[in-house]
């Protein structure tokens, strides 16, 4: 279970690096994704890919932990700022 949480965190931290690839793929597929929706679409695709990878590895399927880890990864900067400000 902790592995799923860690993998969700990894997705949350590193999904911005996948945005150019998602934009290029959407353009090649003829999809018009607005710039405001691109980060959300990238995060959803990254989470779906990680869920498939975890399923293939036989890791326990706990989507709540995957999403919790991703949320912590996405919000890591405000969380760290809040913790270190004291």
PDB file of N, CA and C in Angstrom:
ATOM      1  N   UNK A   1       0.811  -1.197   0.000  1.00  0.00           N
ATOM      2  CA  UNK A   1       0.000   0.000   0.000  1.00  0.00           C
ATOM      3  C   UNK A   1       0.857   1.264   0.000  1.00  0.00           C
ATOM      4  N   UNK A   2       1.949   1.250   0.710  1.00  0.00           N
ATOM      5  CA  UNK A   2       2.790   2.434   0.758  1.00  0.00           C
ATOM      6  C   UNK A   2       3.423   2.686  -0.614  1.00  0.00           C
ATOM      7  N   UNK A   3       3.678   1.609  -1.363  1.00  0.00           N
ATOM      8  CA  UNK A   3       4.237   1.747  -2.703  1.00  0.00           C
ATOM      9  C   UNK A   3       3.277   2.524  -3.602  1.00  0.00           C
ATOM     10  N   UNK A   4       1.978   2.228  -3.480  1.00  0.00           N
ATOM     11  CA  UNK A   4       0.966   2.936  -4.268  1.00  0.00           C
ATOM     12  C   UNK A   4       0.947   4.421  -3.908  1.00  0.00           C
ATOM     13  N   UNK A   5       1.045   4.732  -2.625  1.00  0.00           N
ATOM     14  CA  UNK A   5       1.082   6.121  -2.181  1.00  0.00           C
ATOM     15  C   UNK A   5       2.319   6.835  -2.733  1.00  0.00           C
ATOM     16  N   UNK A   6       3.457   6.173  -2.688  1.00  0.00           N
ATOM     17  CA  UNK A   6       4.698   6.770  -3.195  1.00  0.00           C
ATOM     18  C   UNK A   6       4.620   6.988  -4.706  1.00  0.00           C
ATOM     19  N   UNK A   7       4.067   6.034  -5.425  1.00  0.00           N
ATOM     20  CA  UNK A   7       3.937   6.187  -6.870  1.00  0.00           C
ATOM     21  C   UNK A   7       2.967   7.322  -7.220  1.00  0.00           C
ATOM     22  N   UNK A   8       1.916   7.491  -6.434  1.00  0.00           N
ATOM     23  CA  UNK A   8       1.024   8.634  -6.629  1.00  0.00           C
ATOM     24  C   UNK A   8       1.752   9.947  -6.413  1.00  0.00           C
ATOM     25  N   UNK A   9       2.612   9.997  -5.398  1.00  0.00           N
ATOM     26  CA  UNK A   9       3.407  11.189  -5.132  1.00  0.00           C
ATOM     27  C   UNK A   9       4.338  11.482  -6.309  1.00  0.00           C
ATOM     28  N   UNK A  10       4.948  10.444  -6.845  1.00  0.00           N
ATOM     29  CA  UNK A  10       5.853  10.608  -7.994  1.00  0.00           C
ATOM     30  C   UNK A  10       5.088  11.188  -9.185  1.00  0.00           C
ATOM     31  N   UNK A  11       3.890  10.677  -9.433  1.00  0.00           N
ATOM     32  CA  UNK A  11       3.074  11.211 -10.524  1.00  0.00           C
ATOM     33  C   UNK A  11       2.758  12.682 -10.270  1.00  0.00           C
ATOM     34  N   UNK A  12       2.366  13.013  -9.046  1.00  0.00           N
ATOM     35  CA  UNK A  12       2.028  14.395  -8.728  1.00  0.00           C
ATOM     36  C   UNK A  12       3.183  15.358  -8.874  1.00  0.00           C
ATOM     37  N   UNK A  13       4.373  14.892  -8.577  1.00  0.00           N
ATOM     38  CA  UNK A  13       5.549  15.757  -8.665  1.00  0.00           C
ATOM     39  C   UNK A  13       6.021  15.932 -10.107  1.00  0.00           C
ATOM     40  N   UNK A  14       6.000  14.852 -10.877  1.00  0.00           N
ATOM     41  CA  UNK A  14       6.635  14.884 -12.189  1.00  0.00           C
ATOM     42  C   UNK A  14       5.688  15.009 -13.374  1.00  0.00           C
ATOM     43  N   UNK A  15       4.374  15.126 -13.148  1.00  0.00           N
ATOM     44  CA  UNK A  15       3.473  15.201 -14.299  1.00  0.00           C
ATOM     45  C   UNK A  15       3.678  16.460 -15.150  1.00  0.00           C
ATOM     46  N   UNK A  16       4.146  17.603 -14.614  1.00  0.00           N
ATOM     47  CA  UNK A  16       4.350  18.762 -15.498  1.00  0.00           C
ATOM     48  C   UNK A  16       5.358  18.508 -16.626  1.00  0.00           C
ATOM     49  N   UNK A  17       6.318  17.604 -16.394  1.00  0.00           N
ATOM     50  CA  UNK A  17       7.288  17.308 -17.443  1.00  0.00           C
ATOM     51  C   UNK A  17       6.651  16.579 -18.622  1.00  0.00           C
ATOM     52  N   UNK A  18       5.487  15.987 -18.416  1.00  0.00           N
ATOM     53  CA  UNK A  18       4.813  15.255 -19.492  1.00  0.00           C
ATOM     54  C   UNK A  18       3.899  16.143 -20.335  1.00  0.00           C
ATOM     55  N   UNK A  19       3.670  17.382 -19.908  1.00  0.00           N
ATOM     56  CA  UNK A  19       2.731  18.254 -20.625  1.00  0.00           C
ATOM     57  C   UNK A  19       3.096  18.486 -22.089  1.00  0.00           C
ATOM     58  N   UNK A  20       4.352  18.721 -22.438  1.00  0.00           N
ATOM     59  CA  UNK A  20       4.652  18.907 -23.863  1.00  0.00           C
ATOM     60  C   UNK A  20       4.326  17.673 -24.708  1.00  0.00           C
ATOM     61  N   UNK A  21       4.529  16.493 -24.140  1.00  0.00           N
ATOM     62  CA  UNK A  21       4.248  15.260 -24.872  1.00  0.00           C
ATOM     63  C   UNK A  21       2.741  15.056 -25.045  1.00  0.00           C
ATOM     64  N   UNK A  22       1.974  15.389 -24.010  1.00  0.00           N
ATOM     65  CA  UNK A  22       0.519  15.271 -24.111  1.00  0.00           C
ATOM     66  C   UNK A  22      -0.012  16.282 -25.124  1.00  0.00           C
ATOM     67  N   UNK A  23       0.515  17.490 -25.099  1.00  0.00           N
ATOM     68  CA  UNK A  23       0.072  18.513 -26.055  1.00  0.00           C
ATOM     69  C   UNK A  23       0.393  18.090 -27.487  1.00  0.00           C
ATOM     70  N   UNK A  24       1.593  17.534 -27.693  1.00  0.00           N
ATOM     71  CA  UNK A  24       1.980  17.085 -29.027  1.00  0.00           C
ATOM     72  C   UNK A  24       1.110  15.915 -29.484  1.00  0.00           C
ATOM     73  N   UNK A  25       0.849  14.978 -28.580  1.00  0.00           N
ATOM     74  CA  UNK A  25       0.002  13.844 -28.917  1.00  0.00           C
ATOM     75  C   UNK A  25      -1.426  14.260 -29.222  1.00  0.00           C
ATOM     76  N   UNK A  26      -1.950  15.207 -28.462  1.00  0.00           N
ATOM     77  CA  UNK A  26      -3.304  15.695 -28.713  1.00  0.00           C
ATOM     78  C   UNK A  26      -3.373  16.421 -30.046  1.00  0.00           C
ATOM     79  N   UNK A  27      -2.329  17.172 -30.354  1.00  0.00           N
ATOM     80  CA  UNK A  27      -2.284  17.888 -31.632  1.00  0.00           C
ATOM     81  C   UNK A  27      -2.242  16.906 -32.802  1.00  0.00           C
ATOM     82  N   UNK A  28      -1.440  15.866 -32.670  1.00  0.00           N
ATOM     83  CA  UNK A  28      -1.352  14.865 -33.727  1.00  0.00           C
ATOM     84  C   UNK A  28      -2.653  14.089 -33.892  1.00  0.00           C
ATOM     85  N   UNK A  29      -3.399  13.930 -32.783  1.00  0.00           N
ATOM     86  CA  UNK A  29      -4.676  13.219 -32.833  1.00  0.00           C
ATOM     87  C   UNK A  29      -5.814  14.124 -33.288  1.00  0.00           C
ATOM     88  N   UNK A  30      -5.528  15.404 -33.460  1.00  0.00           N
ATOM     89  CA  UNK A  30      -6.555  16.346 -33.898  1.00  0.00           C
ATOM     90  C   UNK A  30      -7.442  16.840 -32.774  1.00  0.00           C
ATOM     91  N   UNK A  31      -6.991  16.680 -31.539  1.00  0.00           N
ATOM     92  CA  UNK A  31      -7.763  17.165 -30.387  1.00  0.00           C
ATOM     93  C   UNK A  31      -7.324  18.579 -30.041  1.00  0.00           C
ATOM     94  N   UNK A  32      -8.277  19.412 -29.730  1.00  0.00           N
ATOM     95  CA  UNK A  32      -7.975  20.793 -29.349  1.00  0.00           C
ATOM     96  C   UNK A  32      -8.158  20.926 -27.837  1.00  0.00           C
ATOM     97  N   UNK A  33      -7.067  20.746 -27.103  1.00  0.00           N
ATOM     98  CA  UNK A  33      -7.110  20.896 -25.653  1.00  0.00           C
ATOM     99  C   UNK A  33      -6.692  22.321 -25.327  1.00  0.00           C
ATOM    100  N   UNK A  34      -7.554  23.040 -24.648  1.00  0.00           N
ATOM    101  CA  UNK A  34      -7.247  24.420 -24.271  1.00  0.00           C
ATOM    102  C   UNK A  34      -6.072  24.426 -23.286  1.00  0.00           C
ATOM    103  N   UNK A  35      -5.317  25.518 -23.316  1.00  0.00           N
ATOM    104  CA  UNK A  35      -4.137  25.619 -22.449  1.00  0.00           C
ATOM    105  C   UNK A  35      -4.495  25.495 -20.973  1.00  0.00           C
ATOM    106  N   UNK A  36      -5.673  25.978 -20.587  1.00  0.00           N
ATOM    107  CA  UNK A  36      -6.079  25.908 -19.187  1.00  0.00           C
ATOM    108  C   UNK A  36      -6.381  24.471 -18.754  1.00  0.00           C
ATOM    109  N   UNK A  37      -6.765  23.622 -19.698  1.00  0.00           N
ATOM    110  CA  UNK A  37      -7.109  22.240 -19.368  1.00  0.00           C
ATOM    111  C   UNK A  37      -5.940  21.277 -19.535  1.00  0.00           C
ATOM    112  N   UNK A  38      -4.862  21.723 -20.121  1.00  0.00           N
ATOM    113  CA  UNK A  38      -3.731  20.838 -20.380  1.00  0.00           C
ATOM    114  C   UNK A  38      -3.132  20.240 -19.102  1.00  0.00           C
ATOM    115  N   UNK A  39      -2.915  21.009 -18.023  1.00  0.00           N
ATOM    116  CA  UNK A  39      -2.375  20.375 -16.804  1.00  0.00           C
ATOM    117  C   UNK A  39      -3.297  19.303 -16.231  1.00  0.00           C
ATOM    118  N   UNK A  40      -4.594  19.540 -16.231  1.00  0.00           N
ATOM    119  CA  UNK A  40      -5.527  18.547 -15.700  1.00  0.00           C
ATOM    120  C   UNK A  40      -5.551  17.303 -16.577  1.00  0.00           C
ATOM    121  N   UNK A  41      -5.546  17.486 -17.891  1.00  0.00           N
ATOM    122  CA  UNK A  41      -5.536  16.342 -18.800  1.00  0.00           C
ATOM    123  C   UNK A  41      -4.252  15.538 -18.639  1.00  0.00           C
ATOM    124  N   UNK A  42      -3.134  16.225 -18.459  1.00  0.00           N
ATOM    125  CA  UNK A  42      -1.852  15.542 -18.280  1.00  0.00           C
ATOM    126  C   UNK A  42      -1.842  14.749 -16.981  1.00  0.00           C
ATOM    127  N   UNK A  43      -2.345  15.341 -15.903  1.00  0.00           N
ATOM    128  CA  UNK A  43      -2.390  14.644 -14.619  1.00  0.00           C
ATOM    129  C   UNK A  43      -3.283  13.405 -14.713  1.00  0.00           C
ATOM    130  N   UNK A  44      -4.432  13.536 -15.349  1.00  0.00           N
ATOM    131  CA  UNK A  44      -5.329  12.382 -15.488  1.00  0.00           C
ATOM    132  C   UNK A  44      -4.690  11.270 -16.306  1.00  0.00           C
ATOM    133  N   UNK A  45      -4.031  11.624 -17.393  1.00  0.00           N
ATOM    134  CA  UNK A  45      -3.357  10.602 -18.205  1.00  0.00           C
ATOM    135  C   UNK A  45      -2.205   9.946 -17.443  1.00  0.00           C
ATOM    136  N   UNK A  46      -1.465  10.732 -16.685  1.00  0.00           N
ATOM    137  CA  UNK A  46      -0.360  10.175 -15.899  1.00  0.00           C
ATOM    138  C   UNK A  46      -0.878   9.249 -14.806  1.00  0.00           C
ATOM    139  N   UNK A  47      -1.973   9.629 -14.151  1.00  0.00           N
ATOM    140  CA  UNK A  47      -2.557   8.766 -13.124  1.00  0.00           C
ATOM    141  C   UNK A  47      -3.099   7.474 -13.729  1.00  0.00           C
ATOM    142  N   UNK A  48      -3.732   7.589 -14.887  1.00  0.00           N
ATOM    143  CA  UNK A  48      -4.247   6.387 -15.545  1.00  0.00           C
ATOM    144  C   UNK A  48      -3.100   5.453 -15.937  1.00  0.00           C
ATOM    145  N   UNK A  49      -2.023   6.019 -16.471  1.00  0.00           N
ATOM    146  CA  UNK A  49      -0.863   5.203 -16.849  1.00  0.00           C
ATOM    147  C   UNK A  49      -0.247   4.528 -15.622  1.00  0.00           C
ATOM    148  N   UNK A  50      -0.160   5.247 -14.514  1.00  0.00           N
ATOM    149  CA  UNK A  50       0.404   4.654 -13.302  1.00  0.00           C
ATOM    150  C   UNK A  50      -0.510   3.568 -12.758  1.00  0.00           C
ATOM    151  N   UNK A  51      -1.819   3.771 -12.826  1.00  0.00           N
ATOM    152  CA  UNK A  51      -2.754   2.752 -12.360  1.00  0.00           C
ATOM    153  C   UNK A  51      -2.618   1.479 -13.181  1.00  0.00           C
ATOM    154  N   UNK A  52      -2.453   1.624 -14.485  1.00  0.00           N
ATOM    155  CA  UNK A  52      -2.250   0.455 -15.346  1.00  0.00           C
ATOM    156  C   UNK A  52      -0.933  -0.232 -14.997  1.00  0.00           C
ATOM    157  N   UNK A  53       0.128   0.560 -14.810  1.00  0.00           N
ATOM    158  CA  UNK A  53       1.436  -0.017 -14.471  1.00  0.00           C
ATOM    159  C   UNK A  53       1.372  -0.756 -13.137  1.00  0.00           C
ATOM    160  N   UNK A  54       0.722  -0.174 -12.143  1.00  0.00           N
ATOM    161  CA  UNK A  54       0.596  -0.841 -10.850  1.00  0.00           C
ATOM    162  C   UNK A  54      -0.228  -2.114 -10.969  1.00  0.00           C
ATOM    163  N   UNK A  55      -1.258  -2.073 -11.800  1.00  0.00           N
ATOM    164  CA  UNK A  55      -2.059  -3.271 -12.011  1.00  0.00           C
ATOM    165  C   UNK A  55      -1.262  -4.384 -12.665  1.00  0.00           C
ATOM    166  N   UNK A  56      -0.423  -4.032 -13.633  1.00  0.00           N
ATOM    167  CA  UNK A  56       0.419  -5.032 -14.293  1.00  0.00           C
ATOM    168  C   UNK A  56       1.471  -5.603 -13.353  1.00  0.00           C
ATOM    169  N   UNK A  57       1.922  -4.780 -12.404  1.00  0.00           N
ATOM    170  CA  UNK A  57       2.909  -5.253 -11.431  1.00  0.00           C
ATOM    171  C   UNK A  57       2.280  -6.088 -10.327  1.00  0.00           C
ATOM    172  N   UNK A  58       0.964  -6.073 -10.255  1.00  0.00           N
ATOM    173  CA  UNK A  58       0.276  -6.843  -9.229  1.00  0.00           C
ATOM    174  C   UNK A  58       0.231  -6.170  -7.875  1.00  0.00           C
ATOM    175  N   UNK A  59       0.480  -4.877  -7.843  1.00  0.00           N
ATOM    176  CA  UNK A  59       0.417  -4.123  -6.592  1.00  0.00           C
ATOM    177  C   UNK A  59      -1.045  -3.954  -6.216  1.00  0.00           C
ATOM    178  N   UNK A  60      -1.320  -3.954  -4.909  1.00  0.00           N
ATOM    179  CA  UNK A  60      -2.708  -3.826  -4.466  1.00  0.00           C
ATOM    180  C   UNK A  60      -3.345  -2.587  -5.075  1.00  0.00           C
ATOM    181  N   UNK A  61      -4.548  -2.755  -5.519  1.00  0.00           N
ATOM    182  CA  UNK A  61      -5.242  -1.649  -6.181  1.00  0.00           C
ATOM    183  C   UNK A  61      -5.938  -0.804  -5.120  1.00  0.00           C
ATOM    184  N   UNK A  62      -5.345   0.305  -4.794  1.00  0.00           N
ATOM    185  CA  UNK A  62      -5.911   1.240  -3.827  1.00  0.00           C
ATOM    186  C   UNK A  62      -5.931   2.616  -4.485  1.00  0.00           C
ATOM    187  N   UNK A  63      -6.967   2.912  -5.288  1.00  0.00           N
ATOM    188  CA  UNK A  63      -6.978   4.182  -6.012  1.00  0.00           C
ATOM    189  C   UNK A  63      -7.000   5.396  -5.096  1.00  0.00           C
ATOM    190  N   UNK A  64      -7.542   5.242  -3.910  1.00  0.00           N
ATOM    191  CA  UNK A  64      -7.563   6.368  -2.976  1.00  0.00           C
ATOM    192  C   UNK A  64      -6.136   6.749  -2.591  1.00  0.00           C
ATOM    193  N   UNK A  65      -5.295   5.764  -2.353  1.00  0.00           N
ATOM    194  CA  UNK A  65      -3.904   6.052  -2.003  1.00  0.00           C
ATOM    195  C   UNK A  65      -3.152   6.657  -3.182  1.00  0.00           C
ATOM    196  N   UNK A  66      -3.450   6.187  -4.386  1.00  0.00           N
ATOM    197  CA  UNK A  66      -2.806   6.750  -5.570  1.00  0.00           C
ATOM    198  C   UNK A  66      -3.182   8.220  -5.724  1.00  0.00           C
ATOM    199  N   UNK A  67      -4.456   8.526  -5.553  1.00  0.00           N
ATOM    200  CA  UNK A  67      -4.909   9.916  -5.669  1.00  0.00           C
ATOM    201  C   UNK A  67      -4.406  10.776  -4.516  1.00  0.00           C
ATOM    202  N   UNK A  68      -4.368  10.233  -3.311  1.00  0.00           N
ATOM    203  CA  UNK A  68      -3.840  10.984  -2.167  1.00  0.00           C
ATOM    204  C   UNK A  68      -2.368  11.314  -2.377  1.00  0.00           C
ATOM    205  N   UNK A  69      -1.602  10.339  -2.832  1.00  0.00           N
ATOM    206  CA  UNK A  69      -0.195  10.592  -3.108  1.00  0.00           C
ATOM    207  C   UNK A  69      -0.008  11.634  -4.194  1.00  0.00           C
ATOM    208  N   UNK A  70      -0.839  11.575  -5.241  1.00  0.00           N
ATOM    209  CA  UNK A  70      -0.751  12.565  -6.317  1.00  0.00           C
ATOM    210  C   UNK A  70      -1.108  13.952  -5.804  1.00  0.00           C
ATOM    211  N   UNK A  71      -2.125  14.040  -4.965  1.00  0.00           N
ATOM    212  CA  UNK A  71      -2.517  15.339  -4.405  1.00  0.00           C
ATOM    213  C   UNK A  71      -1.393  15.925  -3.561  1.00  0.00           C
ATOM    214  N   UNK A  72      -0.747  15.098  -2.772  1.00  0.00           N
ATOM    215  CA  UNK A  72       0.385  15.578  -1.964  1.00  0.00           C
ATOM    216  C   UNK A  72       1.532  16.014  -2.877  1.00  0.00           C
ATOM    217  N   UNK A  73       1.767  15.273  -3.942  1.00  0.00           N
ATOM    218  CA  UNK A  73       2.824  15.637  -4.878  1.00  0.00           C
ATOM    219  C   UNK A  73       2.554  16.945  -5.594  1.00  0.00           C
ATOM    220  N   UNK A  74       1.301  17.156  -6.006  1.00  0.00           N
ATOM    221  CA  UNK A  74       0.937  18.397  -6.693  1.00  0.00           C
ATOM    222  C   UNK A  74       1.042  19.581  -5.740  1.00  0.00           C
ATOM    223  N   UNK A  75       0.632  19.391  -4.501  1.00  0.00           N
ATOM    224  CA  UNK A  75       0.604  20.490  -3.525  1.00  0.00           C
ATOM    225  C   UNK A  75       1.827  20.516  -2.615  1.00  0.00           C
ATOM    226  N   UNK A  76       2.919  19.884  -3.046  1.00  0.00           N
ATOM    227  CA  UNK A  76       4.087  19.798  -2.175  1.00  0.00           C
ATOM    228  C   UNK A  76       4.676  21.153  -1.805  1.00  0.00           C
ATOM    229  N   UNK A  77       4.697  22.093  -2.737  1.00  0.00           N
ATOM    230  CA  UNK A  77       5.281  23.405  -2.433  1.00  0.00           C
ATOM    231  C   UNK A  77       4.498  24.161  -1.360  1.00  0.00           C
ATOM    232  N   UNK A  78       3.165  24.299  -1.460  1.00  0.00           N
ATOM    233  CA  UNK A  78       2.440  24.962  -0.375  1.00  0.00           C
ATOM    234  C   UNK A  78       2.511  24.207   0.953  1.00  0.00           C
ATOM    235  N   UNK A  79       2.519  22.881   0.883  1.00  0.00           N
ATOM    236  CA  UNK A  79       2.601  22.095   2.121  1.00  0.00           C
ATOM    237  C   UNK A  79       3.943  22.322   2.795  1.00  0.00           C
ATOM    238  N   UNK A  80       5.026  22.261   2.020  1.00  0.00           N
ATOM    239  CA  UNK A  80       6.361  22.490   2.598  1.00  0.00           C
ATOM    240  C   UNK A  80       6.512  23.911   3.125  1.00  0.00           C
ATOM    241  N   UNK A  81       5.943  24.880   2.413  1.00  0.00           N
ATOM    242  CA  UNK A  81       6.011  26.272   2.873  1.00  0.00           C
ATOM    243  C   UNK A  81       5.283  26.427   4.198  1.00  0.00           C
ATOM    244  N   UNK A  82       4.152  25.783   4.332  1.00  0.00           N
ATOM    245  CA  UNK A  82       3.372  25.865   5.567  1.00  0.00           C
ATOM    246  C   UNK A  82       4.110  25.206   6.730  1.00  0.00           C
ATOM    247  N   UNK A  83       4.731  24.060   6.471  1.00  0.00           N
ATOM    248  CA  UNK A  83       5.430  23.343   7.523  1.00  0.00           C
ATOM    249  C   UNK A  83       6.694  24.087   7.963  1.00  0.00           C
ATOM    250  N   UNK A  84       7.431  24.636   7.013  1.00  0.00           N
ATOM    251  CA  UNK A  84       8.698  25.288   7.358  1.00  0.00           C
ATOM    252  C   UNK A  84       8.532  26.730   7.824  1.00  0.00           C
ATOM    253  N   UNK A  85       7.335  27.279   7.750  1.00  0.00           N
ATOM    254  CA  UNK A  85       7.140  28.669   8.154  1.00  0.00           C
ATOM    255  C   UNK A  85       7.043  28.832   9.658  1.00  0.00           C
ATOM    256  N   UNK A  86       6.985  27.762  10.384  1.00  0.00           N
ATOM    257  CA  UNK A  86       6.855  27.854  11.839  1.00  0.00           C
ATOM    258  C   UNK A  86       8.178  27.869  12.519  1.00  0.00           C
TER     259      UNK A  86
END
